[in-house]
Amino acid sequence: MNRAAKPDGVITRGTTGINRLRRSDRWLMHRPQVVDLLNSTPHPLVVDLGYGARPDTTFELAARLRAVRGDLPVVGLEIDPARVVPGRDGVRFARGGFELAGLRPVLVRAFNVLRQYPEDAVAGAWAKIQSALAPNGLLVDGTCDELGRRCAWVVLDAHRPLTLTLAWDPFDVDRPGDIAERLPKALIHRNVAGEGVHDLLLAADRAWATAAPHAAFGPRIRWRATLELLRAQGVPVEVPRRRLRDNVLTVPWAVVAPSAS
């Protein structure tokens, strides 16, 4: 590990909680792109960037991704030296920021970090992390509420954003548009008329209302019907083949990419 580089970033609040990031963890461990990357890389490394005041979610990420690849090393990075704790269970911790402490991971998760930065800082932070990724590496930049019931994240490769995913507890959200308050920093100020993410949420709300006859079968069945409606309307949503515990909406980044200012 390169310890000479000064950590890039600022100390944030560090709020965290046990099982807070379970929805993104579940998505990652079943995402073919992630599974293939972890299994095809000779010596993959995963970094959890900005794990906060306690490393619970880093250990949870390691445990879940090790269901994909059992020998997976995981490093938690925190810019606040007071939050760096001793490693255990094959998980290490170190001080680091957007420069990733000189590491070259195939997967970086940064949740609830950039939400505390100004919008104009996002592109630079993304670029810094992307430049440190191993070949074919991925960055997951996300946001969630305090209990992890409502989440949103962007997946990027070394060159560009690839997808936006929204995920939520089926029994905690009245309509898809309620997730707007948890959009990643790159999009949260773009939920206005004329922007792609605004159009997506409106379309999802309308399809959700149209799928109301399915409500008697539960919110998961109703959501699957909503996805099918969106797909039929030309919205390029992913319709999962397997049954999901969470309601999930994934679209290509092009659908929600912010318009030029």
C-alpha atoms as a PDB file:
ATOM      1  CA  MET A   1       0.000   0.000   0.000  1.00  0.00           C
ATOM      2  CA  ASN A   2       1.251   3.482  -0.895  1.00  0.00           C
ATOM      3  CA  ARG A   3       1.143   5.476   2.318  1.00  0.00           C
ATOM      4  CA  ALA A   4       2.891   8.558   0.961  1.00  0.00           C
ATOM      5  CA  ALA A   5      -0.114  10.046  -0.803  1.00  0.00           C
ATOM      6  CA  LYS A   6      -2.109  12.545   1.238  1.00  0.00           C
ATOM      7  CA  PRO A   7      -5.761  11.466   1.562  1.00  0.00           C
ATOM      8  CA  ASP A   8      -7.946  13.352  -0.909  1.00  0.00           C
ATOM      9  CA  GLY A   9     -11.220  14.590   0.570  1.00  0.00           C
ATOM     10  CA  VAL A  10     -12.708  15.983   3.753  1.00  0.00           C
ATOM     11  CA  ILE A  11     -13.946  14.347   6.935  1.00  0.00           C
ATOM     12  CA  THR A  12     -17.717  13.840   6.829  1.00  0.00           C
ATOM     13  CA  ARG A  13     -20.248  12.986   9.535  1.00  0.00           C
ATOM     14  CA  GLY A  14     -19.528   9.272   9.463  1.00  0.00           C
ATOM     15  CA  THR A  15     -23.046   8.123  10.316  1.00  0.00           C
ATOM     16  CA  THR A  16     -23.519   4.412   9.755  1.00  0.00           C
ATOM     17  CA  GLY A  17     -25.580   1.491  10.961  1.00  0.00           C
ATOM     18  CA  ILE A  18     -25.682  -2.288  11.004  1.00  0.00           C
ATOM     19  CA  ASN A  19     -27.164  -3.737   7.803  1.00  0.00           C
ATOM     20  CA  ARG A  20     -27.731  -0.260   6.379  1.00  0.00           C
ATOM     21  CA  LEU A  21     -26.308  -1.140   2.950  1.00  0.00           C
ATOM     22  CA  ARG A  22     -27.897  -4.572   2.592  1.00  0.00           C
ATOM     23  CA  ARG A  23     -29.874  -3.658  -0.535  1.00  0.00           C
ATOM     24  CA  SER A  24     -26.843  -2.605  -2.532  1.00  0.00           C
ATOM     25  CA  ASP A  25     -24.900  -5.605  -1.187  1.00  0.00           C
ATOM     26  CA  ARG A  26     -27.606  -7.995  -2.378  1.00  0.00           C
ATOM     27  CA  TRP A  27     -27.689  -6.311  -5.776  1.00  0.00           C
ATOM     28  CA  LEU A  28     -23.910  -6.519  -6.156  1.00  0.00           C
ATOM     29  CA  MET A  29     -23.632 -10.178  -5.210  1.00  0.00           C
ATOM     30  CA  HIS A  30     -26.172 -11.124  -7.891  1.00  0.00           C
ATOM     31  CA  ARG A  31     -25.066  -8.666 -10.577  1.00  0.00           C
ATOM     32  CA  PRO A  32     -23.542 -10.695 -13.455  1.00  0.00           C
ATOM     33  CA  GLN A  33     -21.062  -7.939 -14.301  1.00  0.00           C
ATOM     34  CA  VAL A  34     -19.787  -7.894 -10.707  1.00  0.00           C
ATOM     35  CA  VAL A  35     -19.803 -11.681 -10.316  1.00  0.00           C
ATOM     36  CA  ASP A  36     -17.860 -12.146 -13.554  1.00  0.00           C
ATOM     37  CA  LEU A  37     -15.372  -9.441 -12.570  1.00  0.00           C
ATOM     38  CA  LEU A  38     -14.667 -10.931  -9.151  1.00  0.00           C
ATOM     39  CA  ASN A  39     -14.315 -14.461 -10.499  1.00  0.00           C
ATOM     40  CA  SER A  40     -12.253 -13.626 -13.583  1.00  0.00           C
ATOM     41  CA  THR A  41      -9.684 -11.368 -11.892  1.00  0.00           C
ATOM     42  CA  PRO A  42      -6.627 -13.292 -10.614  1.00  0.00           C
ATOM     43  CA  HIS A  43      -6.184 -11.206  -7.447  1.00  0.00           C
ATOM     44  CA  PRO A  44      -9.260  -9.024  -6.984  1.00  0.00           C
ATOM     45  CA  LEU A  45      -9.443  -6.378  -4.288  1.00  0.00           C
ATOM     46  CA  VAL A  46     -12.558  -4.627  -3.010  1.00  0.00           C
ATOM     47  CA  VAL A  47     -12.421  -1.245  -1.270  1.00  0.00           C
ATOM     48  CA  ASP A  48     -15.144   0.183   0.942  1.00  0.00           C
ATOM     49  CA  LEU A  49     -14.489   3.911   0.861  1.00  0.00           C
ATOM     50  CA  GLY A  50     -15.755   6.065   3.720  1.00  0.00           C
ATOM     51  CA  TYR A  51     -17.258   3.374   5.946  1.00  0.00           C
ATOM     52  CA  GLY A  52     -17.898   5.882   8.719  1.00  0.00           C
ATOM     53  CA  ALA A  53     -17.665   5.838  12.481  1.00  0.00           C
ATOM     54  CA  ARG A  54     -17.971   2.027  12.654  1.00  0.00           C
ATOM     55  CA  PRO A  55     -16.901  -0.609  10.126  1.00  0.00           C
ATOM     56  CA  ASP A  56     -20.006  -2.803  10.344  1.00  0.00           C
ATOM     57  CA  THR A  57     -20.998  -2.324   6.713  1.00  0.00           C
ATOM     58  CA  THR A  58     -17.478  -3.156   5.538  1.00  0.00           C
ATOM     59  CA  PHE A  59     -17.594  -6.513   7.275  1.00  0.00           C
ATOM     60  CA  GLU A  60     -21.072  -7.103   5.859  1.00  0.00           C
ATOM     61  CA  LEU A  61     -19.892  -6.289   2.339  1.00  0.00           C
ATOM     62  CA  ALA A  62     -16.994  -8.718   2.724  1.00  0.00           C
ATOM     63  CA  ALA A  63     -19.250 -11.507   3.987  1.00  0.00           C
ATOM     64  CA  ARG A  64     -21.759 -11.078   1.168  1.00  0.00           C
ATOM     65  CA  LEU A  65     -19.256 -10.789  -1.653  1.00  0.00           C
ATOM     66  CA  ARG A  66     -17.366 -13.803  -0.320  1.00  0.00           C
ATOM     67  CA  ALA A  67     -20.453 -15.817  -1.201  1.00  0.00           C
ATOM     68  CA  VAL A  68     -19.336 -15.023  -4.761  1.00  0.00           C
ATOM     69  CA  ARG A  69     -15.614 -15.513  -4.197  1.00  0.00           C
ATOM     70  CA  GLY A  70     -14.462 -16.935  -0.902  1.00  0.00           C
ATOM     71  CA  ASP A  71     -10.881 -15.634  -0.921  1.00  0.00           C
ATOM     72  CA  LEU A  72     -11.826 -12.020  -1.635  1.00  0.00           C
ATOM     73  CA  PRO A  73      -9.698  -9.435   0.220  1.00  0.00           C
ATOM     74  CA  VAL A  74     -11.502  -6.290   1.371  1.00  0.00           C
ATOM     75  CA  VAL A  75     -10.014  -3.007   2.593  1.00  0.00           C
ATOM     76  CA  GLY A  76     -11.977  -0.297   4.363  1.00  0.00           C
ATOM     77  CA  LEU A  77     -10.668   3.242   3.882  1.00  0.00           C
ATOM     78  CA  GLU A  78     -11.485   6.258   6.043  1.00  0.00           C
ATOM     79  CA  ILE A  79     -10.079   9.759   5.742  1.00  0.00           C
ATOM     80  CA  ASP A  80     -10.469  10.324   9.495  1.00  0.00           C
ATOM     81  CA  PRO A  81      -7.537   8.571  11.199  1.00  0.00           C
ATOM     82  CA  ALA A  82      -9.568   8.206  14.403  1.00  0.00           C
ATOM     83  CA  ARG A  83     -11.939   5.848  12.561  1.00  0.00           C
ATOM     84  CA  VAL A  84      -9.256   3.445  11.340  1.00  0.00           C
ATOM     85  CA  VAL A  85      -9.622   0.238  13.358  1.00  0.00           C
ATOM     86  CA  PRO A  86      -7.642  -3.016  13.557  1.00  0.00           C
ATOM     87  CA  GLY A  87      -8.447  -5.554  10.883  1.00  0.00           C
ATOM     88  CA  ARG A  88      -9.999  -8.950  11.406  1.00  0.00           C
ATOM     89  CA  ASP A  89     -11.665 -11.753   9.469  1.00  0.00           C
ATOM     90  CA  GLY A  90      -9.567 -10.987   6.412  1.00  0.00           C
ATOM     91  CA  VAL A  91     -10.664  -7.335   6.290  1.00  0.00           C
ATOM     92  CA  ARG A  92      -8.056  -4.569   6.629  1.00  0.00           C
ATOM     93  CA  PHE A  93      -8.535  -0.899   7.415  1.00  0.00           C
ATOM     94  CA  ALA A  94      -6.413   2.094   6.510  1.00  0.00           C
ATOM     95  CA  ARG A  95      -6.510   5.837   6.079  1.00  0.00           C
ATOM     96  CA  GLY A  96      -7.401   6.994   2.588  1.00  0.00           C
ATOM     97  CA  GLY A  97      -9.636   9.154   0.449  1.00  0.00           C
ATOM     98  CA  PHE A  98     -10.527   9.436  -3.218  1.00  0.00           C
ATOM     99  CA  GLU A  99      -6.956   8.486  -4.163  1.00  0.00           C
ATOM    100  CA  LEU A 100      -7.678   5.048  -2.565  1.00  0.00           C
ATOM    101  CA  ALA A 101      -4.397   5.052  -0.611  1.00  0.00           C
ATOM    102  CA  GLY A 102      -2.509   3.789  -3.646  1.00  0.00           C
ATOM    103  CA  LEU A 103      -4.616   0.636  -3.963  1.00  0.00           C
ATOM    104  CA  ARG A 104      -5.840  -0.778  -7.303  1.00  0.00           C
ATOM    105  CA  PRO A 105      -9.205  -2.372  -6.549  1.00  0.00           C
ATOM    106  CA  VAL A 106     -11.575  -4.020  -9.012  1.00  0.00           C
ATOM    107  CA  LEU A 107     -14.560  -2.739  -7.036  1.00  0.00           C
ATOM    108  CA  VAL A 108     -14.998   0.388  -4.926  1.00  0.00           C
ATOM    109  CA  ARG A 109     -18.098   1.099  -2.902  1.00  0.00           C
ATOM    110  CA  ALA A 110     -18.547   4.699  -1.717  1.00  0.00           C
ATOM    111  CA  PHE A 111     -21.877   5.120   0.035  1.00  0.00           C
ATOM    112  CA  ASN A 112     -23.133   8.319   1.667  1.00  0.00           C
ATOM    113  CA  VAL A 113     -19.798  10.026   1.015  1.00  0.00           C
ATOM    114  CA  LEU A 114     -20.372  12.381  -1.910  1.00  0.00           C
ATOM    115  CA  ARG A 115     -23.828  13.244  -0.610  1.00  0.00           C
ATOM    116  CA  GLN A 116     -22.044  15.489   1.872  1.00  0.00           C
ATOM    117  CA  TYR A 117     -20.064  17.287  -0.852  1.00  0.00           C
ATOM    118  CA  PRO A 118     -21.233  20.049  -3.221  1.00  0.00           C
ATOM    119  CA  GLU A 119     -22.587  18.900  -6.568  1.00  0.00           C
ATOM    120  CA  ASP A 120     -19.677  20.402  -8.481  1.00  0.00           C
ATOM    121  CA  ALA A 121     -17.240  18.188  -6.547  1.00  0.00           C
ATOM    122  CA  VAL A 122     -18.741  14.954  -7.894  1.00  0.00           C
ATOM    123  CA  ALA A 123     -17.015  14.816 -11.277  1.00  0.00           C
ATOM    124  CA  GLY A 124     -13.570  15.368  -9.779  1.00  0.00           C
ATOM    125  CA  ALA A 125     -14.091  12.757  -7.073  1.00  0.00           C
ATOM    126  CA  TRP A 126     -15.351  10.238  -9.601  1.00  0.00           C
ATOM    127  CA  ALA A 127     -12.373  10.878 -11.860  1.00  0.00           C
ATOM    128  CA  LYS A 128      -9.922  10.447  -8.991  1.00  0.00           C
ATOM    129  CA  ILE A 129     -11.401   7.088  -8.000  1.00  0.00           C
ATOM    130  CA  GLN A 130     -11.775   5.925 -11.605  1.00  0.00           C
ATOM    131  CA  SER A 131      -8.104   6.617 -12.274  1.00  0.00           C
ATOM    132  CA  ALA A 132      -7.162   4.251  -9.432  1.00  0.00           C
ATOM    133  CA  LEU A 133      -9.319   1.321 -10.524  1.00  0.00           C
ATOM    134  CA  ALA A 134      -7.769  -1.934 -11.685  1.00  0.00           C
ATOM    135  CA  PRO A 135      -8.491  -2.942 -15.304  1.00  0.00           C
ATOM    136  CA  ASN A 136     -12.234  -3.441 -15.828  1.00  0.00           C
ATOM    137  CA  GLY A 137     -12.828  -2.071 -12.345  1.00  0.00           C
ATOM    138  CA  LEU A 138     -16.103  -0.583 -11.131  1.00  0.00           C
ATOM    139  CA  LEU A 139     -17.136   2.190  -8.773  1.00  0.00           C
ATOM    140  CA  VAL A 140     -20.455   2.203  -6.901  1.00  0.00           C
ATOM    141  CA  ASP A 141     -21.415   5.682  -5.674  1.00  0.00           C
ATOM    142  CA  GLY A 142     -24.576   5.572  -3.609  1.00  0.00           C
ATOM    143  CA  THR A 143     -26.842   7.107  -1.019  1.00  0.00           C
ATOM    144  CA  CYS A 144     -29.388   5.662   1.383  1.00  0.00           C
ATOM    145  CA  ASP A 145     -31.538   6.665   4.319  1.00  0.00           C
ATOM    146  CA  GLU A 146     -30.517   6.036   7.916  1.00  0.00           C
ATOM    147  CA  LEU A 147     -32.082   2.556   8.065  1.00  0.00           C
ATOM    148  CA  GLY A 148     -31.215   1.525   4.517  1.00  0.00           C
ATOM    149  CA  ARG A 149     -34.829   1.215   3.437  1.00  0.00           C
ATOM    150  CA  ARG A 150     -34.423   3.609   0.493  1.00  0.00           C
ATOM    151  CA  CYS A 151     -31.273   3.526  -1.625  1.00  0.00           C
ATOM    152  CA  ALA A 152     -29.893   4.780  -4.917  1.00  0.00           C
ATOM    153  CA  TRP A 153     -26.540   4.241  -6.588  1.00  0.00           C
ATOM    154  CA  VAL A 154     -24.614   4.854  -9.774  1.00  0.00           C
ATOM    155  CA  VAL A 155     -22.223   2.239 -11.192  1.00  0.00           C
ATOM    156  CA  LEU A 156     -19.251   3.560 -13.163  1.00  0.00           C
ATOM    157  CA  ASP A 157     -16.336   1.965 -14.963  1.00  0.00           C
ATOM    158  CA  ALA A 158     -13.002   3.712 -15.502  1.00  0.00           C
ATOM    159  CA  HIS A 159     -14.460   5.916 -18.231  1.00  0.00           C
ATOM    160  CA  ARG A 160     -18.110   6.738 -17.615  1.00  0.00           C
ATOM    161  CA  PRO A 161     -21.232   6.140 -15.549  1.00  0.00           C
ATOM    162  CA  LEU A 162     -23.045   2.982 -16.654  1.00  0.00           C
ATOM    163  CA  THR A 163     -26.296   2.619 -14.720  1.00  0.00           C
ATOM    164  CA  LEU A 164     -28.521   4.139 -12.064  1.00  0.00           C
ATOM    165  CA  THR A 165     -30.281   1.830  -9.619  1.00  0.00           C
ATOM    166  CA  LEU A 166     -33.007   2.665  -7.122  1.00  0.00           C
ATOM    167  CA  ALA A 167     -33.885   0.061  -4.485  1.00  0.00           C
ATOM    168  CA  TRP A 168     -36.303   0.144  -1.588  1.00  0.00           C
ATOM    169  CA  ASP A 169     -38.245  -1.819   0.970  1.00  0.00           C
ATOM    170  CA  PRO A 170     -41.492  -2.761  -0.816  1.00  0.00           C
ATOM    171  CA  PHE A 171     -43.478  -2.047   2.359  1.00  0.00           C
ATOM    172  CA  ASP A 172     -41.898   1.326   3.139  1.00  0.00           C
ATOM    173  CA  VAL A 173     -42.547   3.341  -0.023  1.00  0.00           C
ATOM    174  CA  ASP A 174     -45.912   4.529  -1.336  1.00  0.00           C
ATOM    175  CA  ARG A 175     -44.668   5.290  -4.859  1.00  0.00           C
ATOM    176  CA  PRO A 176     -41.324   5.142  -6.715  1.00  0.00           C
ATOM    177  CA  GLY A 177     -40.992   8.937  -6.748  1.00  0.00           C
ATOM    178  CA  ASP A 178     -40.522   8.860  -2.966  1.00  0.00           C
ATOM    179  CA  ILE A 179     -36.942   7.710  -3.601  1.00  0.00           C
ATOM    180  CA  ALA A 180     -36.086  11.130  -5.055  1.00  0.00           C
ATOM    181  CA  GLU A 181     -34.843  12.383  -1.701  1.00  0.00           C
ATOM    182  CA  ARG A 182     -32.140   9.692  -1.729  1.00  0.00           C
ATOM    183  CA  LEU A 183     -30.803  10.195  -5.244  1.00  0.00           C
ATOM    184  CA  PRO A 184     -26.992  10.321  -5.494  1.00  0.00           C
ATOM    185  CA  LYS A 185     -25.415  13.767  -5.372  1.00  0.00           C
ATOM    186  CA  ALA A 186     -24.930  13.787  -9.142  1.00  0.00           C
ATOM    187  CA  LEU A 187     -28.715  13.660  -9.602  1.00  0.00           C
ATOM    188  CA  ILE A 188     -30.480  14.911  -6.499  1.00  0.00           C
ATOM    189  CA  HIS A 189     -30.587  18.511  -7.709  1.00  0.00           C
ATOM    190  CA  ARG A 190     -31.685  17.369 -11.179  1.00  0.00           C
ATOM    191  CA  ASN A 191     -35.129  16.143 -10.208  1.00  0.00           C
ATOM    192  CA  VAL A 192     -36.774  19.033 -12.047  1.00  0.00           C
ATOM    193  CA  ALA A 193     -38.753  19.365 -15.258  1.00  0.00           C
ATOM    194  CA  GLY A 194     -36.616  18.798 -18.340  1.00  0.00           C
ATOM    195  CA  GLU A 195     -34.193  16.397 -16.669  1.00  0.00           C
ATOM    196  CA  GLY A 196     -34.078  12.669 -17.384  1.00  0.00           C
ATOM    197  CA  VAL A 197     -34.286  11.531 -13.777  1.00  0.00           C
ATOM    198  CA  HIS A 198     -37.415  13.638 -13.276  1.00  0.00           C
ATOM    199  CA  ASP A 199     -39.024  12.077 -16.347  1.00  0.00           C
ATOM    200  CA  LEU A 200     -38.068   8.591 -15.142  1.00  0.00           C
ATOM    201  CA  LEU A 201     -39.629   9.061 -11.721  1.00  0.00           C
ATOM    202  CA  LEU A 202     -42.800  10.502 -13.228  1.00  0.00           C
ATOM    203  CA  ALA A 203     -43.075   7.564 -15.626  1.00  0.00           C
ATOM    204  CA  ALA A 204     -42.487   5.107 -12.773  1.00  0.00           C
ATOM    205  CA  ASP A 205     -45.179   6.774 -10.652  1.00  0.00           C
ATOM    206  CA  ARG A 206     -47.677   6.633 -13.509  1.00  0.00           C
ATOM    207  CA  ALA A 207     -46.925   2.983 -14.248  1.00  0.00           C
ATOM    208  CA  TRP A 208     -47.168   2.178 -10.532  1.00  0.00           C
ATOM    209  CA  ALA A 209     -50.627   3.772 -10.449  1.00  0.00           C
ATOM    210  CA  THR A 210     -51.673   1.837 -13.553  1.00  0.00           C
ATOM    211  CA  ALA A 211     -50.517  -1.391 -11.884  1.00  0.00           C
ATOM    212  CA  ALA A 212     -52.797  -0.767  -8.892  1.00  0.00           C
ATOM    213  CA  PRO A 213     -55.005  -3.815  -9.695  1.00  0.00           C
ATOM    214  CA  HIS A 214     -52.003  -5.977  -8.754  1.00  0.00           C
ATOM    215  CA  ALA A 215     -51.829  -4.459  -5.258  1.00  0.00           C
ATOM    216  CA  ALA A 216     -53.895  -7.291  -3.812  1.00  0.00           C
ATOM    217  CA  PHE A 217     -50.975  -9.630  -4.550  1.00  0.00           C
ATOM    218  CA  GLY A 218     -48.468  -7.464  -2.668  1.00  0.00           C
ATOM    219  CA  PRO A 219     -46.084  -4.633  -3.554  1.00  0.00           C
ATOM    220  CA  ARG A 220     -43.458  -6.924  -5.093  1.00  0.00           C
ATOM    221  CA  ILE A 221     -45.917  -8.362  -7.636  1.00  0.00           C
ATOM    222  CA  ARG A 222     -47.243  -4.880  -8.325  1.00  0.00           C
ATOM    223  CA  TRP A 223     -43.702  -3.604  -8.885  1.00  0.00           C
ATOM    224  CA  ARG A 224     -42.897  -6.347 -11.368  1.00  0.00           C
ATOM    225  CA  ALA A 225     -46.041  -5.396 -13.279  1.00  0.00           C
ATOM    226  CA  THR A 226     -44.874  -1.774 -13.129  1.00  0.00           C
ATOM    227  CA  LEU A 227     -41.536  -2.702 -14.663  1.00  0.00           C
ATOM    228  CA  GLU A 228     -43.276  -4.574 -17.459  1.00  0.00           C
ATOM    229  CA  LEU A 229     -45.429  -1.514 -18.154  1.00  0.00           C
ATOM    230  CA  LEU A 230     -42.400   0.769 -18.246  1.00  0.00           C
ATOM    231  CA  ARG A 231     -40.642  -1.621 -20.595  1.00  0.00           C
ATOM    232  CA  ALA A 232     -43.671  -1.676 -22.891  1.00  0.00           C
ATOM    233  CA  GLN A 233     -43.627   2.135 -22.919  1.00  0.00           C
ATOM    234  CA  GLY A 234     -40.053   2.155 -24.195  1.00  0.00           C
ATOM    235  CA  VAL A 235     -38.280   2.909 -20.920  1.00  0.00           C
ATOM    236  CA  PRO A 236     -35.172   0.648 -20.923  1.00  0.00           C
ATOM    237  CA  VAL A 237     -35.614  -0.697 -17.406  1.00  0.00           C
ATOM    238  CA  GLU A 238     -34.156  -4.024 -16.401  1.00  0.00           C
ATOM    239  CA  VAL A 239     -36.785  -6.646 -15.553  1.00  0.00           C
ATOM    240  CA  PRO A 240     -35.127  -9.185 -13.229  1.00  0.00           C
ATOM    241  CA  ARG A 241     -35.590 -12.866 -13.951  1.00  0.00           C
ATOM    242  CA  ARG A 242     -35.324 -13.977 -10.339  1.00  0.00           C
ATOM    243  CA  ARG A 243     -37.621 -13.030  -7.484  1.00  0.00           C
ATOM    244  CA  LEU A 244     -36.281 -10.120  -5.471  1.00  0.00           C
ATOM    245  CA  ARG A 245     -36.705  -9.175  -1.843  1.00  0.00           C
ATOM    246  CA  ASP A 246     -36.411  -5.502  -2.756  1.00  0.00           C
ATOM    247  CA  ASN A 247     -38.162  -3.350  -5.313  1.00  0.00           C
ATOM    248  CA  VAL A 248     -35.392  -2.416  -7.756  1.00  0.00           C
ATOM    249  CA  LEU A 249     -35.282  -0.057 -10.725  1.00  0.00           C
ATOM    250  CA  THR A 250     -32.141  -0.100 -12.896  1.00  0.00           C
ATOM    251  CA  VAL A 251     -31.714   1.949 -16.074  1.00  0.00           C
ATOM    252  CA  PRO A 252     -28.789   2.883 -18.315  1.00  0.00           C
ATOM    253  CA  TRP A 253     -27.126   6.132 -17.269  1.00  0.00           C
ATOM    254  CA  ALA A 254     -28.107   7.713 -20.581  1.00  0.00           C
ATOM    255  CA  VAL A 255     -31.721   7.741 -19.376  1.00  0.00           C
ATOM    256  CA  VAL A 256     -30.927  10.039 -16.442  1.00  0.00           C
ATOM    257  CA  ALA A 257     -27.678  11.779 -17.417  1.00  0.00           C
ATOM    258  CA  PRO A 258     -27.915  15.451 -16.398  1.00  0.00           C
ATOM    259  CA  SER A 259     -28.494  17.916 -19.205  1.00  0.00           C
ATOM    260  CA  ALA A 260     -25.694  20.345 -20.012  1.00  0.00           C
ATOM    261  CA  SER A 261     -25.869  23.362 -17.754  1.00  0.00           C
END
